[in-house]
Amino acid sequence: MSIRIDQDITNYFQERIKKAKITFERAVDCKHTEFDDLYPYMSEHPQFFWYKRYVAWQDLLTVSQMAEELGLDWTSHFTNEQVEFVRGKVLEAKVLDNWYPENE
């Protein structure tokens, strides 16, 4: 039973980290996310897109930190540079400018 629970937890965090990454990338690209549905009236405000990015970034940080604390690998879905950005924790312009690898 313990092995099954461990695998369930690992699968759960793998899915959560994938979802958090996709949501962050959609926020970076100014695409629709679940956050837009929570505050549909806010999309007209320019600050909304920055706030949406910070919320998505915080979700990514939270899930990756929890996975790391549990000894689970969360880095397999990221480039080395993206892993360093997440570990650096600060969402700054260089993260937004360099999130995607050059060949994308």
Protein backbone atom coordinates (compact mmCIF):
# COMPACT_ATOMS: atom_id res chain seq x y z
CA MET A 1 0.00 0.00 0.00
CA SER A 2 2.83 2.41 0.79
CA ILE A 3 4.33 2.02 -2.68
CA ARG A 4 0.94 2.80 -4.23
CA ILE A 5 0.54 5.94 -2.11
CA ASP A 6 4.07 7.08 -2.97
CA GLN A 7 3.35 6.61 -6.66
CA ASP A 8 0.03 8.46 -6.34
CA ILE A 9 1.78 11.38 -4.63
CA THR A 10 4.51 11.45 -7.27
CA ASN A 11 1.95 11.39 -10.08
CA TYR A 12 -0.10 14.09 -8.38
CA PHE A 13 2.89 16.43 -8.09
CA GLN A 14 4.02 15.70 -11.65
CA GLU A 15 0.59 16.72 -12.90
CA ARG A 16 0.45 19.78 -10.64
CA ILE A 17 3.88 20.99 -11.72
CA LYS A 18 2.97 20.52 -15.40
CA LYS A 19 -0.27 22.44 -14.87
CA ALA A 20 1.49 25.23 -12.97
CA LYS A 21 4.10 25.56 -15.72
CA ILE A 22 1.47 25.69 -18.46
CA THR A 23 -0.54 28.28 -16.53
CA PHE A 24 2.55 30.43 -15.99
CA GLU A 25 3.49 30.21 -19.66
CA ARG A 26 -0.05 31.13 -20.68
CA ALA A 27 0.11 34.12 -18.31
CA VAL A 28 3.47 35.18 -19.78
CA ASP A 29 1.94 34.98 -23.26
CA CYS A 30 -1.16 36.94 -22.11
CA LYS A 31 -3.41 34.00 -22.91
CA HIS A 32 -6.52 32.93 -21.04
CA THR A 33 -6.07 31.13 -17.70
CA GLU A 34 -8.43 30.06 -14.92
CA PHE A 35 -7.52 33.32 -13.17
CA ASP A 36 -9.30 35.26 -15.93
CA ASP A 37 -12.52 33.45 -15.07
CA LEU A 38 -12.25 34.53 -11.44
CA TYR A 39 -11.91 38.21 -12.34
CA PRO A 40 -13.44 38.73 -15.80
CA TYR A 41 -14.06 42.42 -15.16
CA MET A 42 -10.36 43.01 -14.50
CA SER A 43 -9.09 42.06 -17.96
CA GLU A 44 -9.55 45.64 -19.12
CA HIS A 45 -6.93 46.89 -16.67
CA PRO A 46 -3.29 46.77 -17.83
CA GLN A 47 -2.08 45.85 -14.33
CA PHE A 48 -4.21 42.71 -14.45
CA PHE A 49 -1.75 40.94 -16.76
CA TRP A 50 1.16 41.62 -14.40
CA TYR A 51 -0.86 40.49 -11.41
CA LYS A 52 -1.93 37.34 -13.27
CA ARG A 53 1.72 36.54 -13.98
CA TYR A 54 2.65 36.94 -10.33
CA VAL A 55 -0.20 34.68 -9.23
CA ALA A 56 0.83 31.99 -11.74
CA TRP A 57 4.48 32.38 -10.71
CA GLN A 58 3.60 31.95 -7.04
CA ASP A 59 1.66 28.79 -7.84
CA LEU A 60 4.67 27.43 -9.71
CA LEU A 61 6.95 28.29 -6.78
CA THR A 62 4.60 26.71 -4.24
CA VAL A 63 4.19 23.43 -6.10
CA SER A 64 7.89 23.10 -6.89
CA GLN A 65 8.85 23.88 -3.29
CA MET A 66 6.41 21.31 -1.92
CA ALA A 67 7.68 18.68 -4.37
CA GLU A 68 11.26 19.43 -3.40
CA GLU A 69 10.44 19.20 0.32
CA LEU A 70 8.93 15.77 -0.34
CA GLY A 71 12.03 14.68 -2.23
CA LEU A 72 10.22 14.55 -5.58
CA ASP A 73 11.82 15.62 -8.84
CA TRP A 74 9.95 18.55 -10.34
CA THR A 75 12.72 19.68 -12.70
CA SER A 76 12.13 17.21 -15.54
CA HIS A 77 9.58 19.50 -17.21
CA PHE A 78 11.95 22.48 -17.30
CA THR A 79 15.16 23.59 -18.98
CA ASN A 80 18.18 24.12 -16.75
CA GLU A 81 17.74 27.89 -17.03
CA GLN A 82 14.06 27.65 -16.05
CA VAL A 83 14.98 25.53 -13.01
CA GLU A 84 17.43 28.25 -11.95
CA PHE A 85 14.75 30.91 -12.37
CA VAL A 86 12.32 28.94 -10.20
CA ARG A 87 14.98 28.30 -7.58
CA GLY A 88 15.84 32.01 -7.65
CA LYS A 89 12.19 32.71 -6.75
CA VAL A 90 12.13 36.34 -7.94
CA LEU A 91 9.96 37.08 -10.95
CA GLU A 92 11.96 39.72 -12.72
CA ALA A 93 12.24 40.91 -16.30
CA LYS A 94 15.02 38.45 -17.17
CA VAL A 95 12.70 35.56 -16.24
CA LEU A 96 10.01 36.83 -18.59
CA ASP A 97 12.53 37.68 -21.32
CA ASN A 98 14.42 34.38 -21.14
CA TRP A 99 11.80 31.85 -20.05
CA TYR A 100 11.54 30.23 -23.45
CA PRO A 101 14.64 28.59 -24.93
CA GLU A 102 16.15 30.42 -27.90
CA ASN A 103 15.00 27.82 -30.44
CA GLU A 104 11.29 28.24 -29.66
